[in-house]
Amino acid sequence: MIGVSELKIALEEMYAGFVGVLGEPSMKPFDYVYIDDITKDIKGLGLVKRVSHIFGPDRGFITTFEIIPHIEVRDLHDSALARVGAFVAE
């Protein structure tokens, strides 16, 4: 199980990052969001780590947030979240 835990940590670090969207005032840390990036072909649940809401005259209302992928360490067939699109490390 140690190897699987190390894989989970590596995947979290590899897919963690920042996302910018048009203003989303209800977003807050520890919310779950579903990412469907057709450009990079990445889909799945992620946990919002931190959020920044910015309002400016040039770009309007923008929300940026740091996301950590939701990775389950279990068998794909036993995973309820996997059936709705979560990242899964077997």
C-alpha atoms as a PDB file:
ATOM      1  CA  MET A   1       0.000   0.000   0.000  1.00  0.00           C
ATOM      2  CA  ILE A   2       2.998   2.306   0.467  1.00  0.00           C
ATOM      3  CA  GLY A   3       3.667   2.284  -3.280  1.00  0.00           C
ATOM      4  CA  VAL A   4       0.045   3.181  -4.003  1.00  0.00           C
ATOM      5  CA  SER A   5       0.188   6.057  -1.498  1.00  0.00           C
ATOM      6  CA  GLU A   6       3.329   7.380  -3.161  1.00  0.00           C
ATOM      7  CA  LEU A   7       1.585   7.163  -6.547  1.00  0.00           C
ATOM      8  CA  LYS A   8      -1.377   9.118  -5.148  1.00  0.00           C
ATOM      9  CA  ILE A   9       0.914  11.883  -3.866  1.00  0.00           C
ATOM     10  CA  ALA A  10       2.763  12.030  -7.203  1.00  0.00           C
ATOM     11  CA  LEU A  11      -0.510  12.281  -9.141  1.00  0.00           C
ATOM     12  CA  GLU A  12      -1.793  15.048  -6.849  1.00  0.00           C
ATOM     13  CA  GLU A  13       1.384  17.043  -7.425  1.00  0.00           C
ATOM     14  CA  MET A  14       1.345  16.400 -11.176  1.00  0.00           C
ATOM     15  CA  TYR A  15      -2.259  17.505 -11.743  1.00  0.00           C
ATOM     16  CA  ALA A  16      -2.517  20.284  -9.134  1.00  0.00           C
ATOM     17  CA  GLY A  17      -2.669  23.797 -10.515  1.00  0.00           C
ATOM     18  CA  PHE A  18      -4.493  27.083 -10.887  1.00  0.00           C
ATOM     19  CA  VAL A  19      -7.693  27.741 -12.812  1.00  0.00           C
ATOM     20  CA  GLY A  20      -9.255  31.064 -13.802  1.00  0.00           C
ATOM     21  CA  VAL A  21     -12.959  31.480 -14.560  1.00  0.00           C
ATOM     22  CA  LEU A  22     -15.439  34.283 -14.991  1.00  0.00           C
ATOM     23  CA  GLY A  23     -16.544  35.488 -11.558  1.00  0.00           C
ATOM     24  CA  GLU A  24     -17.927  32.740  -9.336  1.00  0.00           C
ATOM     25  CA  PRO A  25     -18.773  34.452  -6.026  1.00  0.00           C
ATOM     26  CA  SER A  26     -19.995  31.296  -4.286  1.00  0.00           C
ATOM     27  CA  MET A  27     -16.684  29.402  -4.661  1.00  0.00           C
ATOM     28  CA  LYS A  28     -14.753  28.864  -1.443  1.00  0.00           C
ATOM     29  CA  PRO A  29     -11.918  26.639  -0.156  1.00  0.00           C
ATOM     30  CA  PHE A  30     -12.784  22.959   0.334  1.00  0.00           C
ATOM     31  CA  ASP A  31     -15.477  23.015  -2.383  1.00  0.00           C
ATOM     32  CA  TYR A  32     -15.353  20.192  -4.921  1.00  0.00           C
ATOM     33  CA  VAL A  33     -15.403  21.161  -8.592  1.00  0.00           C
ATOM     34  CA  TYR A  34     -15.603  19.076 -11.741  1.00  0.00           C
ATOM     35  CA  ILE A  35     -12.968  19.897 -14.356  1.00  0.00           C
ATOM     36  CA  ASP A  36     -13.546  19.054 -18.027  1.00  0.00           C
ATOM     37  CA  ASP A  37     -10.608  20.506 -19.955  1.00  0.00           C
ATOM     38  CA  ILE A  38     -11.114  19.586 -23.618  1.00  0.00           C
ATOM     39  CA  THR A  39      -7.808  21.202 -24.631  1.00  0.00           C
ATOM     40  CA  LYS A  40      -5.667  18.966 -22.407  1.00  0.00           C
ATOM     41  CA  ASP A  41      -8.191  16.105 -22.188  1.00  0.00           C
ATOM     42  CA  ILE A  42      -8.322  16.204 -18.389  1.00  0.00           C
ATOM     43  CA  LYS A  43     -11.542  15.373 -16.563  1.00  0.00           C
ATOM     44  CA  GLY A  44     -12.357  14.755 -12.926  1.00  0.00           C
ATOM     45  CA  LEU A  45     -13.140  16.050  -9.474  1.00  0.00           C
ATOM     46  CA  GLY A  46     -10.856  18.413  -7.675  1.00  0.00           C
ATOM     47  CA  LEU A  47     -10.717  20.027  -4.261  1.00  0.00           C
ATOM     48  CA  VAL A  48     -10.419  23.817  -4.139  1.00  0.00           C
ATOM     49  CA  LYS A  49      -7.427  24.695  -1.963  1.00  0.00           C
ATOM     50  CA  ARG A  50      -7.627  28.497  -2.126  1.00  0.00           C
ATOM     51  CA  VAL A  51      -9.660  31.107  -3.977  1.00  0.00           C
ATOM     52  CA  SER A  52      -9.099  34.684  -5.107  1.00  0.00           C
ATOM     53  CA  HIS A  53     -11.875  36.949  -6.367  1.00  0.00           C
ATOM     54  CA  ILE A  54     -10.713  39.979  -8.356  1.00  0.00           C
ATOM     55  CA  PHE A  55     -12.785  42.796  -9.778  1.00  0.00           C
ATOM     56  CA  GLY A  56     -11.080  45.267 -12.077  1.00  0.00           C
ATOM     57  CA  PRO A  57     -11.927  47.731 -14.818  1.00  0.00           C
ATOM     58  CA  ASP A  58      -9.945  45.847 -17.479  1.00  0.00           C
ATOM     59  CA  ARG A  59     -11.093  42.262 -17.033  1.00  0.00           C
ATOM     60  CA  GLY A  60     -14.233  42.511 -14.905  1.00  0.00           C
ATOM     61  CA  PHE A  61     -14.974  39.928 -12.214  1.00  0.00           C
ATOM     62  CA  ILE A  62     -12.516  37.007 -12.267  1.00  0.00           C
ATOM     63  CA  THR A  63     -12.201  34.078  -9.870  1.00  0.00           C
ATOM     64  CA  THR A  64      -8.945  32.148  -9.708  1.00  0.00           C
ATOM     65  CA  PHE A  65      -8.477  29.059  -7.582  1.00  0.00           C
ATOM     66  CA  GLU A  66      -5.894  26.443  -6.787  1.00  0.00           C
ATOM     67  CA  ILE A  67      -7.126  22.909  -7.299  1.00  0.00           C
ATOM     68  CA  ILE A  68      -5.901  19.546  -6.048  1.00  0.00           C
ATOM     69  CA  PRO A  69      -7.229  16.507  -7.927  1.00  0.00           C
ATOM     70  CA  HIS A  70      -9.440  14.117  -5.992  1.00  0.00           C
ATOM     71  CA  ILE A  71      -7.619  10.792  -6.178  1.00  0.00           C
ATOM     72  CA  GLU A  72      -9.028   7.672  -4.571  1.00  0.00           C
ATOM     73  CA  VAL A  73      -6.729   4.837  -3.606  1.00  0.00           C
ATOM     74  CA  ARG A  74      -9.038   1.887  -4.159  1.00  0.00           C
ATOM     75  CA  ASP A  75     -10.291  -0.456  -6.820  1.00  0.00           C
ATOM     76  CA  LEU A  76     -12.048   1.405  -9.636  1.00  0.00           C
ATOM     77  CA  HIS A  77     -15.052  -0.948  -9.497  1.00  0.00           C
ATOM     78  CA  ASP A  78     -15.653  -0.193  -5.794  1.00  0.00           C
ATOM     79  CA  SER A  79     -15.467   3.572  -6.174  1.00  0.00           C
ATOM     80  CA  ALA A  80     -18.690   5.583  -6.125  1.00  0.00           C
ATOM     81  CA  LEU A  81     -16.886   8.826  -6.978  1.00  0.00           C
ATOM     82  CA  ALA A  82     -15.129   7.173  -9.927  1.00  0.00           C
ATOM     83  CA  ARG A  83     -18.491   6.598 -11.531  1.00  0.00           C
ATOM     84  CA  VAL A  84     -19.047  10.378 -11.585  1.00  0.00           C
ATOM     85  CA  GLY A  85     -15.628  11.157 -13.036  1.00  0.00           C
ATOM     86  CA  ALA A  86     -13.084  11.294 -10.192  1.00  0.00           C
ATOM     87  CA  PHE A  87      -9.371  10.770 -10.755  1.00  0.00           C
ATOM     88  CA  VAL A  88      -8.553   7.252  -9.535  1.00  0.00           C
ATOM     89  CA  ALA A  89      -5.213   5.606  -8.728  1.00  0.00           C
ATOM     90  CA  GLU A  90      -5.523   1.839  -8.650  1.00  0.00           C
END
